[in-house]
Protein backbone atom coordinates (compact mmCIF):
# COMPACT_ATOMS: atom_id res chain seq x y z
CA MET A 1 -13.19 15.41 -46.01
CA LYS A 2 -14.04 11.79 -44.18
CA PRO A 3 -10.07 10.90 -45.36
CA LEU A 4 -9.02 13.50 -43.86
CA ARG A 5 -10.99 12.95 -40.49
CA ALA A 6 -9.32 9.54 -40.26
CA LEU A 7 -5.86 10.49 -40.88
CA ILE A 8 -6.04 12.82 -37.97
CA LEU A 9 -8.38 10.45 -36.01
CA LEU A 10 -6.05 7.65 -36.16
CA PRO A 11 -2.60 8.74 -34.46
CA LEU A 12 -4.90 9.86 -31.79
CA ALA A 13 -6.24 6.74 -30.90
CA THR A 14 -2.71 5.12 -31.71
CA LEU A 15 -1.19 7.15 -28.83
CA ALA A 16 -3.99 6.38 -26.66
CA PHE A 17 -3.44 2.77 -27.22
CA ALA A 18 0.19 2.83 -26.83
CA ASN A 19 -0.02 4.71 -23.41
CA ALA A 20 -1.80 1.31 -22.35
CA PRO A 21 1.05 -1.04 -21.37
CA ALA A 22 3.31 2.13 -19.55
CA LEU A 23 0.13 2.95 -17.32
CA ALA A 24 -0.14 -1.00 -16.42
CA GLN A 25 3.84 -1.27 -15.54
CA GLU A 26 3.52 1.94 -13.60
CA GLN A 27 0.39 0.46 -11.74
CA THR A 28 2.88 -3.01 -11.05
CA ARG A 29 5.25 -0.61 -10.22
CA GLY A 30 3.55 1.58 -7.41
CA GLU A 31 2.18 -2.42 -5.78
CA GLN A 32 5.81 -3.48 -5.56
CA GLY A 33 7.04 -0.23 -4.13
CA GLU A 34 4.06 -0.37 -1.23
CA ALA A 35 4.98 -4.29 -1.24
CA ARG A 36 8.67 -3.48 -0.61
CA LYS A 37 8.16 -0.23 1.58
CA ASP A 38 6.03 -2.55 4.03
CA ALA A 39 8.10 -5.44 3.71
CA GLN A 40 10.96 -3.45 5.20
CA ALA A 41 9.01 -1.96 7.68
CA GLY A 42 8.18 -5.06 9.07
CA ASN A 43 4.34 -4.61 8.63
CA ILE A 44 4.12 -7.73 6.06
CA MET A 45 5.93 -10.72 4.87
CA ARG A 46 8.29 -10.53 1.75
CA SER A 47 6.86 -12.09 -1.44
CA GLY A 48 9.77 -14.35 -1.79
CA GLU A 49 8.56 -15.83 1.63
CA ILE A 50 4.76 -16.04 0.29
CA GLU A 51 5.88 -18.01 -2.64
CA ALA A 52 8.10 -20.24 -0.53
CA ARG A 53 4.83 -21.12 1.72
CA ILE A 54 2.29 -21.81 -1.34
CA LEU A 55 3.97 -22.79 -4.67
CA PRO A 56 4.60 -26.11 -2.72
CA THR A 57 0.71 -26.27 -2.55
CA MET A 58 -0.14 -25.83 -6.18
CA ARG A 59 2.89 -27.94 -7.76
CA ASP A 60 0.71 -29.14 -10.52
CA ALA A 61 -0.04 -25.34 -11.89
CA GLU A 62 2.41 -23.34 -13.22
CA TYR A 63 3.18 -19.66 -11.28
CA LEU A 64 2.46 -16.81 -13.10
CA GLY A 65 3.43 -14.39 -10.46
CA PHE A 66 1.76 -11.90 -7.70
CA ALA A 67 0.53 -8.82 -6.60
CA TYR A 68 0.38 -6.74 -3.77
CA ASP A 69 -2.82 -5.10 -2.55
CA SER A 70 -1.44 -2.08 0.40
CA SER A 71 -4.88 -1.39 1.11
CA ALA A 72 -5.79 -5.55 2.14
CA LYS A 73 -1.97 -6.06 2.96
CA ALA A 74 -2.62 -9.00 0.70
CA TYR A 75 -0.90 -10.80 -2.02
CA ARG A 76 -2.76 -12.35 -4.95
CA LEU A 77 -0.65 -15.02 -6.86
CA LYS A 78 -1.90 -15.94 -10.11
CA PHE A 79 -1.61 -19.68 -11.40
CA ILE A 80 -2.50 -21.57 -14.22
CA ARG A 81 -3.21 -25.32 -14.71
CA GLU A 82 -4.91 -27.18 -18.05
CA GLY A 83 -6.15 -23.52 -19.55
CA ARG A 84 -7.71 -22.53 -16.40
CA VAL A 85 -5.91 -19.37 -13.94
CA THR A 86 -6.29 -19.93 -10.27
CA TYR A 87 -5.95 -16.80 -7.90
CA VAL A 88 -4.58 -17.46 -4.67
CA ASP A 89 -5.21 -14.96 -1.80
CA VAL A 90 -2.77 -14.58 0.92
CA ASP A 91 -2.72 -12.52 3.89
CA ALA A 92 0.69 -10.48 3.57
CA ARG A 93 1.03 -10.16 7.58
CA THR A 94 0.65 -14.17 8.62
CA GLY A 95 0.93 -15.83 5.09
CA ARG A 96 -2.32 -17.83 5.37
CA ILE A 97 -4.63 -18.19 2.49
CA ILE A 98 -7.68 -15.89 2.51
CA GLY A 99 -9.11 -16.94 -0.55
CA ARG A 100 -9.26 -19.20 -3.75
CA SER A 101 -10.74 -18.03 -7.04
CA ARG A 102 -11.27 -19.12 -10.35
């Protein structure tokens, strides 16, 4: 009886984990869409403008990308240097750095 239960539960668990990347990708698309809408409306700076300001200040770190928080109107840029991840939070309206964390 136990082997039968395993045969039933294993595919269900596999399906649950298989959807995780799709959910993360959908969330990222939502963030990008919100950033695009806000930038087109003139409410925030475009991600390229933010990157042009911030990347030169982090030249000894590898840039990994950004996320946008529409409720905070802020970008979070992610960097890695010597195995340590650093996040730089930037006000999307002004381009000013509002926080840095490791």
